C-alpha atoms as a PDB file:
ATOM      1  CA  MET A   1     -40.537  64.172  70.554  1.00  0.00           C
ATOM      2  CA  GLY A   2     -41.306  64.679  66.602  1.00  0.00           C
ATOM      3  CA  LYS A   3     -40.534  67.475  64.945  1.00  0.00           C
ATOM      4  CA  THR A   4     -42.235  71.042  65.160  1.00  0.00           C
ATOM      5  CA  LEU A   5     -42.280  73.753  62.876  1.00  0.00           C
ATOM      6  CA  GLY A   6     -42.580  77.296  63.647  1.00  0.00           C
ATOM      7  CA  VAL A   7     -44.201  78.982  61.030  1.00  0.00           C
ATOM      8  CA  LEU A   8     -44.209  83.310  61.633  1.00  0.00           C
ATOM      9  CA  SER A   9     -46.982  84.629  59.441  1.00  0.00           C
ATOM     10  CA  GLY A  10     -47.984  88.164  58.110  1.00  0.00           C
ATOM     11  CA  VAL A  11     -51.378  88.164  55.811  1.00  0.00           C
ATOM     12  CA  GLY A  12     -51.976  85.675  53.148  1.00  0.00           C
ATOM     13  CA  HIS A  13     -52.313  82.571  52.103  1.00  0.00           C
ATOM     14  CA  LEU A  14     -48.880  81.471  51.949  1.00  0.00           C
ATOM     15  CA  PRO A  15     -48.349  80.524  55.972  1.00  0.00           C
ATOM     16  CA  VAL A  16     -51.534  78.521  55.222  1.00  0.00           C
ATOM     17  CA  ASP A  17     -49.707  76.168  52.325  1.00  0.00           C
ATOM     18  CA  VAL A  18     -46.600  76.030  54.489  1.00  0.00           C
ATOM     19  CA  VAL A  19     -48.715  74.262  57.498  1.00  0.00           C
ATOM     20  CA  ARG A  20     -50.216  72.042  55.607  1.00  0.00           C
ATOM     21  CA  GLY A  21     -47.404  70.960  53.595  1.00  0.00           C
ATOM     22  CA  ALA A  22     -45.384  70.519  56.965  1.00  0.00           C
ATOM     23  CA  LYS A  23     -48.505  68.543  58.906  1.00  0.00           C
ATOM     24  CA  LYS A  24     -48.164  66.347  55.884  1.00  0.00           C
ATOM     25  CA  ALA A  25     -44.313  65.675  55.978  1.00  0.00           C
ATOM     26  CA  GLY A  26     -44.752  64.827  59.569  1.00  0.00           C
ATOM     27  CA  TYR A  27     -44.072  68.015  61.845  1.00  0.00           C
ATOM     28  CA  ARG A  28     -46.355  69.653  64.424  1.00  0.00           C
ATOM     29  CA  THR A  29     -46.822  73.027  63.637  1.00  0.00           C
ATOM     30  CA  VAL A  30     -46.827  76.040  65.706  1.00  0.00           C
ATOM     31  CA  ALA A  31     -48.228  79.296  63.839  1.00  0.00           C
ATOM     32  CA  ILE A  32     -47.865  82.961  65.295  1.00  0.00           C
ATOM     33  CA  ALA A  33     -49.822  85.293  63.668  1.00  0.00           C
ATOM     34  CA  LEU A  34     -47.722  88.306  63.518  1.00  0.00           C
ATOM     35  CA  VAL A  35     -50.658  91.374  62.353  1.00  0.00           C
ATOM     36  CA  PRO A  36     -54.205  91.189  62.307  1.00  0.00           C
ATOM     37  CA  GLY A  37     -55.936  89.983  59.279  1.00  0.00           C
ATOM     38  CA  THR A  38     -53.838  86.711  58.925  1.00  0.00           C
ATOM     39  CA  HIS A  39     -55.552  84.016  56.345  1.00  0.00           C
ATOM     40  CA  GLU A  40     -58.372  83.066  58.694  1.00  0.00           C
ATOM     41  CA  ASP A  41     -57.859  79.403  58.078  1.00  0.00           C
ATOM     42  CA  LEU A  42     -54.205  79.412  59.481  1.00  0.00           C
ATOM     43  CA  GLU A  43     -55.620  78.760  62.951  1.00  0.00           C
ATOM     44  CA  LYS A  44     -57.729  75.763  62.125  1.00  0.00           C
ATOM     45  CA  GLU A  45     -54.587  74.154  60.032  1.00  0.00           C
ATOM     46  CA  ALA A  46     -52.235  74.811  62.948  1.00  0.00           C
ATOM     47  CA  ASP A  47     -51.401  72.355  65.901  1.00  0.00           C
ATOM     48  CA  VAL A  48     -50.926  75.152  67.753  1.00  0.00           C
ATOM     49  CA  PHE A  49     -51.666  78.851  66.934  1.00  0.00           C
ATOM     50  CA  HIS A  50     -50.715  82.252  68.424  1.00  0.00           C
ATOM     51  CA  ALA A  51     -51.570  85.988  67.663  1.00  0.00           C
ATOM     52  CA  ILE A  52     -48.566  88.170  68.831  1.00  0.00           C
ATOM     53  CA  ASN A  53     -47.732  91.369  67.722  1.00  0.00           C
ATOM     54  CA  ILE A  54     -44.712  92.099  65.309  1.00  0.00           C
ATOM     55  CA  GLY A  55     -43.054  93.851  68.336  1.00  0.00           C
ATOM     56  CA  LYS A  56     -42.788  91.664  70.599  1.00  0.00           C
ATOM     57  CA  VAL A  57     -39.934  90.048  69.406  1.00  0.00           C
ATOM     58  CA  GLY A  58     -39.114  88.702  73.104  1.00  0.00           C
ATOM     59  CA  LYS A  59     -42.509  86.942  73.269  1.00  0.00           C
ATOM     60  CA  ILE A  60     -42.365  85.946  69.907  1.00  0.00           C
ATOM     61  CA  PHE A  61     -38.791  83.756  70.588  1.00  0.00           C
ATOM     62  CA  LYS A  62     -40.200  82.836  73.925  1.00  0.00           C
ATOM     63  CA  THR A  63     -43.128  81.001  72.793  1.00  0.00           C
ATOM     64  CA  LEU A  64     -41.279  79.175  69.889  1.00  0.00           C
ATOM     65  CA  LYS A  65     -38.649  78.001  72.854  1.00  0.00           C
ATOM     66  CA  GLN A  66     -41.616  76.755  75.167  1.00  0.00           C
ATOM     67  CA  GLU A  67     -43.822  75.176  71.845  1.00  0.00           C
ATOM     68  CA  GLY A  68     -40.605  72.790  71.209  1.00  0.00           C
ATOM     69  CA  ARG A  69     -39.543  74.455  68.015  1.00  0.00           C
ATOM     70  CA  SER A  70     -37.292  72.448  66.192  1.00  0.00           C
ATOM     71  CA  HIS A  71     -37.309  73.822  62.553  1.00  0.00           C
ATOM     72  CA  HIS A  72     -38.615  77.252  61.115  1.00  0.00           C
ATOM     73  CA  ASP A  73     -40.027  78.282  57.941  1.00  0.00           C
ATOM     74  CA  ARG A  74     -37.374  79.743  56.564  1.00  0.00           C
ATOM     75  CA  GLN A  75     -38.497  82.789  54.426  1.00  0.00           C
ATOM     76  CA  GLY A  76     -35.938  85.247  54.802  1.00  0.00           C
ATOM     77  CA  ASP A  77     -35.201  84.766  58.947  1.00  0.00           C
ATOM     78  CA  GLN A  78     -32.073  82.893  59.216  1.00  0.00           C
ATOM     79  CA  GLY A  79     -30.405  85.951  57.970  1.00  0.00           C
ATOM     80  CA  ASN A  80     -31.425  87.931  61.089  1.00  0.00           C
ATOM     81  CA  PRO A  81     -28.805  88.731  63.667  1.00  0.00           C
ATOM     82  CA  LEU A  82     -31.885  88.516  66.027  1.00  0.00           C
ATOM     83  CA  PHE A  83     -33.039  84.991  65.097  1.00  0.00           C
ATOM     84  CA  ARG A  84     -29.407  83.948  65.246  1.00  0.00           C
ATOM     85  CA  ARG A  85     -29.075  84.665  68.700  1.00  0.00           C
ATOM     86  CA  HIS A  86     -32.351  83.423  69.962  1.00  0.00           C
ATOM     87  CA  PHE A  87     -32.288  79.721  67.847  1.00  0.00           C
ATOM     88  CA  GLY A  88     -28.007  80.020  66.473  1.00  0.00           C
ATOM     89  CA  PRO A  89     -27.124  79.244  63.120  1.00  0.00           C
END
């Protein structure tokens, strides 16, 4: 199985740029929109797209695991103890 990058997305263009760069680097991308109003290109650019409310933390982690996430977008999430509990250091 190849590398899969999970991108947790709010609003703005940055998640789209991350997905595009990851795909150029050979990653399969899984984008999860956490709030309404994510950039319209995100769903088109990501290999897999899910819209999951930010309050459904368990569902977000379960989805990332099911999608085979091997890497994550490191925009502040790794220091979160909840993230470490589900995915390790």
